Amino acid sequence: MKTIALSLVLAAAAGGAAFAQSTTVTLDNGGVIASDRDCIRGNGVAACEKSTTATTAGGQSASKTRLRTADSTGVTTSVSGTGPNGQTTGRVKQISR
């Protein structure tokens, strides 16, 4: 569920420090929340992507992905999501330094 955008940023900043984290939580009602986070830092660029998927015990799921990139010019955050019925949402926020 990783985006191409993160791959491009990671390739451009090769050689920097990188880390990844994954967490899965099973709820009392049988639902599951799974979250993955990947980050890379180096050469004045930091890029982090977090993807979260929530699945109900009945099998419905919704997901959200956030990509945050920071460099000397500012910070860009893009968020996209998909609801249980396939509806999609997205937004991009840019803050200049």
PDB file of N, CA and C in Angstrom:
ATOM      1  N   MET A   1       0.816  -1.172   0.000  1.00  0.00           N
ATOM      2  CA  MET A   1       0.000   0.000   0.000  1.00  0.00           C
ATOM      3  C   MET A   1       0.875   1.257   0.000  1.00  0.00           C
ATOM      4  N   LYS A   2       2.097   1.134  -0.326  1.00  0.00           N
ATOM      5  CA  LYS A   2       2.993   2.275  -0.378  1.00  0.00           C
ATOM      6  C   LYS A   2       2.797   3.031  -1.682  1.00  0.00           C
ATOM      7  N   THR A   3       3.036   4.313  -1.654  1.00  0.00           N
ATOM      8  CA  THR A   3       2.832   5.112  -2.842  1.00  0.00           C
ATOM      9  C   THR A   3       4.126   5.276  -3.617  1.00  0.00           C
ATOM     10  N   ILE A   4       3.960   5.580  -4.881  1.00  0.00           N
ATOM     11  CA  ILE A   4       5.113   5.809  -5.747  1.00  0.00           C
ATOM     12  C   ILE A   4       5.859   7.049  -5.297  1.00  0.00           C
ATOM     13  N   ALA A   5       5.124   8.048  -4.793  1.00  0.00           N
ATOM     14  CA  ALA A   5       5.745   9.295  -4.362  1.00  0.00           C
ATOM     15  C   ALA A   5       6.808   9.053  -3.308  1.00  0.00           C
ATOM     16  N   LEU A   6       6.532   8.206  -2.331  1.00  0.00           N
ATOM     17  CA  LEU A   6       7.516   7.925  -1.297  1.00  0.00           C
ATOM     18  C   LEU A   6       8.734   7.237  -1.906  1.00  0.00           C
ATOM     19  N   SER A   7       8.525   6.340  -2.837  1.00  0.00           N
ATOM     20  CA  SER A   7       9.632   5.648  -3.486  1.00  0.00           C
ATOM     21  C   SER A   7      10.556   6.639  -4.188  1.00  0.00           C
ATOM     22  N   LEU A   8       9.958   7.642  -4.851  1.00  0.00           N
ATOM     23  CA  LEU A   8      10.771   8.644  -5.540  1.00  0.00           C
ATOM     24  C   LEU A   8      11.569   9.488  -4.561  1.00  0.00           C
ATOM     25  N   VAL A   9      10.949   9.871  -3.461  1.00  0.00           N
ATOM     26  CA  VAL A   9      11.652  10.659  -2.453  1.00  0.00           C
ATOM     27  C   VAL A   9      12.754   9.830  -1.826  1.00  0.00           C
ATOM     28  N   LEU A  10      12.470   8.571  -1.543  1.00  0.00           N
ATOM     29  CA  LEU A  10      13.482   7.696  -0.952  1.00  0.00           C
ATOM     30  C   LEU A  10      14.665   7.512  -1.883  1.00  0.00           C
ATOM     31  N   ALA A  11      14.394   7.352  -3.160  1.00  0.00           N
ATOM     32  CA  ALA A  11      15.476   7.185  -4.133  1.00  0.00           C
ATOM     33  C   ALA A  11      16.311   8.451  -4.241  1.00  0.00           C
ATOM     34  N   ALA A  12      15.655   9.616  -4.193  1.00  0.00           N
ATOM     35  CA  ALA A  12      16.362  10.889  -4.306  1.00  0.00           C
ATOM     36  C   ALA A  12      17.232  11.157  -3.078  1.00  0.00           C
ATOM     37  N   ALA A  13      16.832  10.657  -1.943  1.00  0.00           N
ATOM     38  CA  ALA A  13      17.564  10.914  -0.699  1.00  0.00           C
ATOM     39  C   ALA A  13      18.351   9.684  -0.247  1.00  0.00           C
ATOM     40  N   ALA A  14      18.730   8.849  -1.174  1.00  0.00           N
ATOM     41  CA  ALA A  14      19.441   7.610  -0.827  1.00  0.00           C
ATOM     42  C   ALA A  14      20.684   7.914   0.000  1.00  0.00           C
ATOM     43  N   GLY A  15      20.947   7.052   0.928  1.00  0.00           N
ATOM     44  CA  GLY A  15      22.115   7.215   1.766  1.00  0.00           C
ATOM     45  C   GLY A  15      21.782   7.814   3.122  1.00  0.00           C
ATOM     46  N   GLY A  16      20.560   8.274   3.316  1.00  0.00           N
ATOM     47  CA  GLY A  16      20.154   8.861   4.592  1.00  0.00           C
ATOM     48  C   GLY A  16      19.713   7.799   5.571  1.00  0.00           C
ATOM     49  N   ALA A  17      19.414   8.255   6.768  1.00  0.00           N
ATOM     50  CA  ALA A  17      18.920   7.335   7.790  1.00  0.00           C
ATOM     51  C   ALA A  17      17.480   6.957   7.493  1.00  0.00           C
ATOM     52  N   ALA A  18      17.146   5.695   7.658  1.00  0.00           N
ATOM     53  CA  ALA A  18      15.786   5.225   7.376  1.00  0.00           C
ATOM     54  C   ALA A  18      15.312   4.324   8.508  1.00  0.00           C
ATOM     55  N   PHE A  19      14.000   4.318   8.723  1.00  0.00           N
ATOM     56  CA  PHE A  19      13.435   3.383   9.681  1.00  0.00           C
ATOM     57  C   PHE A  19      11.991   3.089   9.310  1.00  0.00           C
ATOM     58  N   ALA A  20      11.497   1.963   9.797  1.00  0.00           N
ATOM     59  CA  ALA A  20      10.120   1.553   9.531  1.00  0.00           C
ATOM     60  C   ALA A  20       9.530   0.959  10.803  1.00  0.00           C
ATOM     61  N   GLN A  21       8.227   1.138  10.963  1.00  0.00           N
ATOM     62  CA  GLN A  21       7.522   0.578  12.110  1.00  0.00           C
ATOM     63  C   GLN A  21       6.202   0.010  11.626  1.00  0.00           C
ATOM     64  N   SER A  22       5.787  -1.097  12.195  1.00  0.00           N
ATOM     65  CA  SER A  22       4.485  -1.688  11.890  1.00  0.00           C
ATOM     66  C   SER A  22       3.808  -2.074  13.193  1.00  0.00           C
ATOM     67  N   THR A  23       2.500  -1.819  13.255  1.00  0.00           N
ATOM     68  CA  THR A  23       1.720  -2.154  14.434  1.00  0.00           C
ATOM     69  C   THR A  23       0.385  -2.730  13.998  1.00  0.00           C
ATOM     70  N   THR A  24      -0.038  -3.793  14.644  1.00  0.00           N
ATOM     71  CA  THR A  24      -1.364  -4.356  14.403  1.00  0.00           C
ATOM     72  C   THR A  24      -2.051  -4.542  15.748  1.00  0.00           C
ATOM     73  N   VAL A  25      -3.295  -4.048  15.832  1.00  0.00           N
ATOM     74  CA  VAL A  25      -4.074  -4.152  17.055  1.00  0.00           C
ATOM     75  C   VAL A  25      -5.368  -4.879  16.732  1.00  0.00           C
ATOM     76  N   THR A  26      -5.679  -5.923  17.503  1.00  0.00           N
ATOM     77  CA  THR A  26      -6.950  -6.626  17.366  1.00  0.00           C
ATOM     78  C   THR A  26      -7.862  -6.162  18.495  1.00  0.00           C
ATOM     79  N   LEU A  27      -9.016  -5.652  18.119  1.00  0.00           N
ATOM     80  CA  LEU A  27      -9.950  -5.106  19.097  1.00  0.00           C
ATOM     81  C   LEU A  27     -10.802  -6.203  19.728  1.00  0.00           C
ATOM     82  N   ASP A  28     -11.423  -5.894  20.846  1.00  0.00           N
ATOM     83  CA  ASP A  28     -12.282  -6.849  21.552  1.00  0.00           C
ATOM     84  C   ASP A  28     -13.436  -7.350  20.693  1.00  0.00           C
ATOM     85  N   ASN A  29     -13.908  -6.502  19.783  1.00  0.00           N
ATOM     86  CA  ASN A  29     -15.060  -6.878  18.955  1.00  0.00           C
ATOM     87  C   ASN A  29     -14.654  -7.623  17.675  1.00  0.00           C
ATOM     88  N   GLY A  30     -13.372  -7.931  17.529  1.00  0.00           N
ATOM     89  CA  GLY A  30     -12.899  -8.670  16.362  1.00  0.00           C
ATOM     90  C   GLY A  30     -12.352  -7.806  15.245  1.00  0.00           C
ATOM     91  N   GLY A  31     -12.463  -6.510  15.373  1.00  0.00           N
ATOM     92  CA  GLY A  31     -11.900  -5.605  14.375  1.00  0.00           C
ATOM     93  C   GLY A  31     -10.385  -5.553  14.474  1.00  0.00           C
ATOM     94  N   VAL A  32      -9.746  -5.070  13.419  1.00  0.00           N
ATOM     95  CA  VAL A  32      -8.283  -4.996  13.379  1.00  0.00           C
ATOM     96  C   VAL A  32      -7.870  -3.630  12.853  1.00  0.00           C
ATOM     97  N   ILE A  33      -6.872  -3.039  13.478  1.00  0.00           N
ATOM     98  CA  ILE A  33      -6.265  -1.809  12.989  1.00  0.00           C
ATOM     99  C   ILE A  33      -4.800  -2.117  12.721  1.00  0.00           C
ATOM    100  N   ALA A  34      -4.380  -1.899  11.481  1.00  0.00           N
ATOM    101  CA  ALA A  34      -2.991  -2.137  11.094  1.00  0.00           C
ATOM    102  C   ALA A  34      -2.380  -0.828  10.622  1.00  0.00           C
ATOM    103  N   SER A  35      -1.180  -0.527  11.094  1.00  0.00           N
ATOM    104  CA  SER A  35      -0.534   0.731  10.763  1.00  0.00           C
ATOM    105  C   SER A  35       0.928   0.474  10.404  1.00  0.00           C
ATOM    106  N   ASP A  36       1.384   1.098   9.333  1.00  0.00           N
ATOM    107  CA  ASP A  36       2.780   1.016   8.899  1.00  0.00           C
ATOM    108  C   ASP A  36       3.320   2.427   8.757  1.00  0.00           C
ATOM    109  N   ARG A  37       4.578   2.621   9.162  1.00  0.00           N
ATOM    110  CA  ARG A  37       5.211   3.930   9.044  1.00  0.00           C
ATOM    111  C   ARG A  37       6.625   3.729   8.526  1.00  0.00           C
ATOM    112  N   ASP A  38       6.949   4.454   7.467  1.00  0.00           N
ATOM    113  CA  ASP A  38       8.284   4.419   6.884  1.00  0.00           C
ATOM    114  C   ASP A  38       8.815   5.837   6.806  1.00  0.00           C
ATOM    115  N   CYS A  39      10.063   6.038   7.202  1.00  0.00           N
ATOM    116  CA  CYS A  39      10.680   7.361   7.150  1.00  0.00           C
ATOM    117  C   CYS A  39      12.108   7.258   6.637  1.00  0.00           C
ATOM    118  N   ILE A  40      12.536   8.330   6.005  1.00  0.00           N
ATOM    119  CA  ILE A  40      13.934   8.447   5.613  1.00  0.00           C
ATOM    120  C   ILE A  40      14.350   9.898   5.814  1.00  0.00           C
ATOM    121  N   ARG A  41      15.576  10.068   6.284  1.00  0.00           N
ATOM    122  CA  ARG A  41      16.118  11.404   6.497  1.00  0.00           C
ATOM    123  C   ARG A  41      17.536  11.440   5.962  1.00  0.00           C
ATOM    124  N   GLY A  42      17.855  12.510   5.289  1.00  0.00           N
ATOM    125  CA  GLY A  42      19.208  12.683   4.792  1.00  0.00           C
ATOM    126  C   GLY A  42      19.269  13.752   3.726  1.00  0.00           C
ATOM    127  N   ASN A  43      20.434  14.364   3.576  1.00  0.00           N
ATOM    128  CA  ASN A  43      20.669  15.384   2.557  1.00  0.00           C
ATOM    129  C   ASN A  43      19.658  16.523   2.648  1.00  0.00           C
ATOM    130  N   GLY A  44      19.249  16.882   3.855  1.00  0.00           N
ATOM    131  CA  GLY A  44      18.336  17.992   4.050  1.00  0.00           C
ATOM    132  C   GLY A  44      16.881  17.684   3.761  1.00  0.00           C
ATOM    133  N   VAL A  45      16.558  16.415   3.554  1.00  0.00           N
ATOM    134  CA  VAL A  45      15.175  16.025   3.254  1.00  0.00           C
ATOM    135  C   VAL A  45      14.713  14.987   4.277  1.00  0.00           C
ATOM    136  N   ALA A  46      13.487  15.132   4.726  1.00  0.00           N
ATOM    137  CA  ALA A  46      12.860  14.117   5.579  1.00  0.00           C
ATOM    138  C   ALA A  46      11.530  13.750   4.942  1.00  0.00           C
ATOM    139  N   ALA A  47      11.288  12.459   4.763  1.00  0.00           N
ATOM    140  CA  ALA A  47      10.035  11.986   4.168  1.00  0.00           C
ATOM    141  C   ALA A  47       9.491  10.850   5.017  1.00  0.00           C
ATOM    142  N   CYS A  48       8.237  10.995   5.435  1.00  0.00           N
ATOM    143  CA  CYS A  48       7.588   9.957   6.239  1.00  0.00           C
ATOM    144  C   CYS A  48       6.228   9.631   5.641  1.00  0.00           C
ATOM    145  N   GLU A  49       5.931   8.352   5.556  1.00  0.00           N
ATOM    146  CA  GLU A  49       4.631   7.903   5.089  1.00  0.00           C
ATOM    147  C   GLU A  49       4.018   6.999   6.143  1.00  0.00           C
ATOM    148  N   LYS A  50       2.759   7.242   6.468  1.00  0.00           N
ATOM    149  CA  LYS A  50       2.044   6.406   7.410  1.00  0.00           C
ATOM    150  C   LYS A  50       0.766   5.914   6.744  1.00  0.00           C
ATOM    151  N   SER A  51       0.572   4.614   6.745  1.00  0.00           N
ATOM    152  CA  SER A  51      -0.631   4.005   6.185  1.00  0.00           C
ATOM    153  C   SER A  51      -1.344   3.246   7.290  1.00  0.00           C
ATOM    154  N   THR A  52      -2.649   3.485   7.409  1.00  0.00           N
ATOM    155  CA  THR A  52      -3.450   2.820   8.427  1.00  0.00           C
ATOM    156  C   THR A  52      -4.690   2.224   7.780  1.00  0.00           C
ATOM    157  N   THR A  53      -4.988   0.991   8.135  1.00  0.00           N
ATOM    158  CA  THR A  53      -6.200   0.321   7.657  1.00  0.00           C
ATOM    159  C   THR A  53      -6.954  -0.223   8.862  1.00  0.00           C
ATOM    160  N   ALA A  54      -8.233   0.103   8.914  1.00  0.00           N
ATOM    161  CA  ALA A  54      -9.104  -0.416   9.969  1.00  0.00           C
ATOM    162  C   ALA A  54     -10.109  -1.360   9.319  1.00  0.00           C
ATOM    163  N   THR A  55     -10.236  -2.555   9.873  1.00  0.00           N
ATOM    164  CA  THR A  55     -11.159  -3.557   9.339  1.00  0.00           C
ATOM    165  C   THR A  55     -12.093  -4.005  10.456  1.00  0.00           C
ATOM    166  N   THR A  56     -13.399  -3.998  10.172  1.00  0.00           N
ATOM    167  CA  THR A  56     -14.371  -4.435  11.170  1.00  0.00           C
ATOM    168  C   THR A  56     -14.425  -5.958  11.199  1.00  0.00           C
ATOM    169  N   ALA A  57     -15.050  -6.491  12.223  1.00  0.00           N
ATOM    170  CA  ALA A  57     -15.216  -7.943  12.326  1.00  0.00           C
ATOM    171  C   ALA A  57     -16.035  -8.465  11.151  1.00  0.00           C
ATOM    172  N   GLY A  58     -16.893  -7.614  10.583  1.00  0.00           N
ATOM    173  CA  GLY A  58     -17.714  -8.007   9.444  1.00  0.00           C
ATOM    174  C   GLY A  58     -17.001  -7.909   8.106  1.00  0.00           C
ATOM    175  N   GLY A  59     -15.757  -7.448   8.101  1.00  0.00           N
ATOM    176  CA  GLY A  59     -14.967  -7.401   6.873  1.00  0.00           C
ATOM    177  C   GLY A  59     -14.925  -6.066   6.160  1.00  0.00           C
ATOM    178  N   GLN A  60     -15.649  -5.065   6.630  1.00  0.00           N
ATOM    179  CA  GLN A  60     -15.563  -3.743   6.013  1.00  0.00           C
ATOM    180  C   GLN A  60     -14.260  -3.086   6.432  1.00  0.00           C
ATOM    181  N   SER A  61     -13.646  -2.333   5.507  1.00  0.00           N
ATOM    182  CA  SER A  61     -12.388  -1.681   5.857  1.00  0.00           C
ATOM    183  C   SER A  61     -12.343  -0.263   5.314  1.00  0.00           C
ATOM    184  N   ALA A  62     -11.532   0.538   5.949  1.00  0.00           N
ATOM    185  CA  ALA A  62     -11.260   1.908   5.536  1.00  0.00           C
ATOM    186  C   ALA A  62      -9.762   2.127   5.710  1.00  0.00           C
ATOM    187  N   SER A  63      -9.189   2.948   4.852  1.00  0.00           N
ATOM    188  CA  SER A  63      -7.746   3.172   4.947  1.00  0.00           C
ATOM    189  C   SER A  63      -7.416   4.644   4.771  1.00  0.00           C
ATOM    190  N   LYS A  64      -6.250   5.022   5.303  1.00  0.00           N
ATOM    191  CA  LYS A  64      -5.766   6.393   5.220  1.00  0.00           C
ATOM    192  C   LYS A  64      -4.259   6.343   5.032  1.00  0.00           C
ATOM    193  N   THR A  65      -3.755   7.168   4.130  1.00  0.00           N
ATOM    194  CA  THR A  65      -2.313   7.256   3.899  1.00  0.00           C
ATOM    195  C   THR A  65      -1.897   8.719   3.976  1.00  0.00           C
ATOM    196  N   ARG A  66      -0.829   8.981   4.737  1.00  0.00           N
ATOM    197  CA  ARG A  66      -0.307  10.337   4.866  1.00  0.00           C
ATOM    198  C   ARG A  66       1.165  10.329   4.464  1.00  0.00           C
ATOM    199  N   LEU A  67       1.537  11.233   3.566  1.00  0.00           N
ATOM    200  CA  LEU A  67       2.930  11.404   3.158  1.00  0.00           C
ATOM    201  C   LEU A  67       3.345  12.819   3.529  1.00  0.00           C
ATOM    202  N   ARG A  68       4.382  12.933   4.340  1.00  0.00           N
ATOM    203  CA  ARG A  68       4.881  14.232   4.773  1.00  0.00           C
ATOM    204  C   ARG A  68       6.335  14.355   4.352  1.00  0.00           C
ATOM    205  N   THR A  69       6.629  15.420   3.605  1.00  0.00           N
ATOM    206  CA  THR A  69       7.982  15.663   3.120  1.00  0.00           C
ATOM    207  C   THR A  69       8.419  17.046   3.575  1.00  0.00           C
ATOM    208  N   ALA A  70       9.593  17.127   4.168  1.00  0.00           N
ATOM    209  CA  ALA A  70      10.122  18.402   4.634  1.00  0.00           C
ATOM    210  C   ALA A  70      11.523  18.601   4.071  1.00  0.00           C
ATOM    211  N   ASP A  71      11.793  19.816   3.614  1.00  0.00           N
ATOM    212  CA  ASP A  71      13.134  20.182   3.170  1.00  0.00           C
ATOM    213  C   ASP A  71      13.355  21.653   3.505  1.00  0.00           C
ATOM    214  N   SER A  72      14.405  22.253   2.973  1.00  0.00           N
ATOM    215  CA  SER A  72      14.730  23.631   3.333  1.00  0.00           C
ATOM    216  C   SER A  72      13.694  24.635   2.845  1.00  0.00           C
ATOM    217  N   THR A  73      12.860  24.265   1.879  1.00  0.00           N
ATOM    218  CA  THR A  73      11.860  25.197   1.350  1.00  0.00           C
ATOM    219  C   THR A  73      10.536  25.139   2.108  1.00  0.00           C
ATOM    220  N   GLY A  74      10.297  24.066   2.857  1.00  0.00           N
ATOM    221  CA  GLY A  74       9.058  23.956   3.606  1.00  0.00           C
ATOM    222  C   GLY A  74       8.612  22.520   3.797  1.00  0.00           C
ATOM    223  N   VAL A  75       7.320  22.364   4.095  1.00  0.00           N
ATOM    224  CA  VAL A  75       6.745  21.049   4.395  1.00  0.00           C
ATOM    225  C   VAL A  75       5.518  20.845   3.515  1.00  0.00           C
ATOM    226  N   THR A  76       5.415  19.659   2.928  1.00  0.00           N
ATOM    227  CA  THR A  76       4.239  19.282   2.153  1.00  0.00           C
ATOM    228  C   THR A  76       3.652  18.021   2.766  1.00  0.00           C
ATOM    229  N   THR A  77       2.365  18.056   3.031  1.00  0.00           N
ATOM    230  CA  THR A  77       1.662  16.900   3.576  1.00  0.00           C
ATOM    231  C   THR A  77       0.500  16.568   2.658  1.00  0.00           C
ATOM    232  N   SER A  78       0.444  15.320   2.218  1.00  0.00           N
ATOM    233  CA  SER A  78      -0.700  14.875   1.427  1.00  0.00           C
ATOM    234  C   SER A  78      -1.361  13.711   2.156  1.00  0.00           C
ATOM    235  N   VAL A  79      -2.688  13.750   2.182  1.00  0.00           N
ATOM    236  CA  VAL A  79      -3.468  12.731   2.876  1.00  0.00           C
ATOM    237  C   VAL A  79      -4.518  12.202   1.912  1.00  0.00           C
ATOM    238  N   SER A  80      -4.623  10.882   1.826  1.00  0.00           N
ATOM    239  CA  SER A  80      -5.669  10.271   1.009  1.00  0.00           C
ATOM    240  C   SER A  80      -6.306   9.148   1.800  1.00  0.00           C
ATOM    241  N   GLY A  81      -7.558   8.877   1.484  1.00  0.00           N
ATOM    242  CA  GLY A  81      -8.256   7.834   2.212  1.00  0.00           C
ATOM    243  C   GLY A  81      -9.308   7.165   1.355  1.00  0.00           C
ATOM    244  N   THR A  82      -9.675   5.964   1.759  1.00  0.00           N
ATOM    245  CA  THR A  82     -10.727   5.197   1.106  1.00  0.00           C
ATOM    246  C   THR A  82     -11.655   4.665   2.180  1.00  0.00           C
ATOM    247  N   GLY A  83     -12.955   4.920   2.018  1.00  0.00           N
ATOM    248  CA  GLY A  83     -13.937   4.492   2.987  1.00  0.00           C
ATOM    249  C   GLY A  83     -14.417   3.078   2.736  1.00  0.00           C
ATOM    250  N   PRO A  84     -15.271   2.568   3.601  1.00  0.00           N
ATOM    251  CA  PRO A  84     -15.732   1.178   3.506  1.00  0.00           C
ATOM    252  C   PRO A  84     -16.571   0.895   2.257  1.00  0.00           C
ATOM    253  N   ASN A  85     -17.136   1.939   1.655  1.00  0.00           N
ATOM    254  CA  ASN A  85     -17.941   1.741   0.452  1.00  0.00           C
ATOM    255  C   ASN A  85     -17.214   2.180  -0.812  1.00  0.00           C
ATOM    256  N   GLY A  86     -15.896   2.384  -0.704  1.00  0.00           N
ATOM    257  CA  GLY A  86     -15.096   2.760  -1.855  1.00  0.00           C
ATOM    258  C   GLY A  86     -14.977   4.254  -2.086  1.00  0.00           C
ATOM    259  N   GLN A  87     -15.626   5.067  -1.268  1.00  0.00           N
ATOM    260  CA  GLN A  87     -15.511   6.511  -1.432  1.00  0.00           C
ATOM    261  C   GLN A  87     -14.084   6.943  -1.106  1.00  0.00           C
ATOM    262  N   THR A  88     -13.602   7.959  -1.830  1.00  0.00           N
ATOM    263  CA  THR A  88     -12.224   8.409  -1.639  1.00  0.00           C
ATOM    264  C   THR A  88     -12.197   9.874  -1.224  1.00  0.00           C
ATOM    265  N   THR A  89     -11.123  10.246  -0.581  1.00  0.00           N
ATOM    266  CA  THR A  89     -10.908  11.622  -0.162  1.00  0.00           C
ATOM    267  C   THR A  89      -9.414  11.913  -0.242  1.00  0.00           C
ATOM    268  N   GLY A  90      -9.075  13.168  -0.350  1.00  0.00           N
ATOM    269  CA  GLY A  90      -7.669  13.539  -0.380  1.00  0.00           C
ATOM    270  C   GLY A  90      -7.486  15.036  -0.235  1.00  0.00           C
ATOM    271  N   ARG A  91      -6.314  15.412   0.252  1.00  0.00           N
ATOM    272  CA  ARG A  91      -5.980  16.828   0.370  1.00  0.00           C
ATOM    273  C   ARG A  91      -4.462  16.965   0.421  1.00  0.00           C
ATOM    274  N   VAL A  92      -3.996  18.156   0.056  1.00  0.00           N
ATOM    275  CA  VAL A  92      -2.577  18.468   0.102  1.00  0.00           C
ATOM    276  C   VAL A  92      -2.418  19.803   0.799  1.00  0.00           C
ATOM    277  N   LYS A  93      -1.442  19.884   1.689  1.00  0.00           N
ATOM    278  CA  LYS A  93      -1.174  21.101   2.436  1.00  0.00           C
ATOM    279  C   LYS A  93       0.306  21.431   2.307  1.00  0.00           C
ATOM    280  N   GLN A  94       0.611  22.665   1.918  1.00  0.00           N
ATOM    281  CA  GLN A  94       2.001  23.085   1.769  1.00  0.00           C
ATOM    282  C   GLN A  94       2.263  24.285   2.678  1.00  0.00           C
ATOM    283  N   ILE A  95       3.366  24.228   3.387  1.00  0.00           N
ATOM    284  CA  ILE A  95       3.783  25.332   4.244  1.00  0.00           C
ATOM    285  C   ILE A  95       5.193  25.706   3.819  1.00  0.00           C
ATOM    286  N   SER A  96       5.365  26.950   3.384  1.00  0.00           N
ATOM    287  CA  SER A  96       6.683  27.431   2.952  1.00  0.00           C
ATOM    288  C   SER A  96       7.419  28.053   4.121  1.00  0.00           C
ATOM    289  N   ARG A  97       8.728  27.923   4.080  1.00  0.00           N
ATOM    290  CA  ARG A  97       9.554  28.526   5.141  1.00  0.00           C
ATOM    291  C   ARG A  97       9.942  29.914   4.757  1.00  0.00           C
TER     292      ARG A  97
END
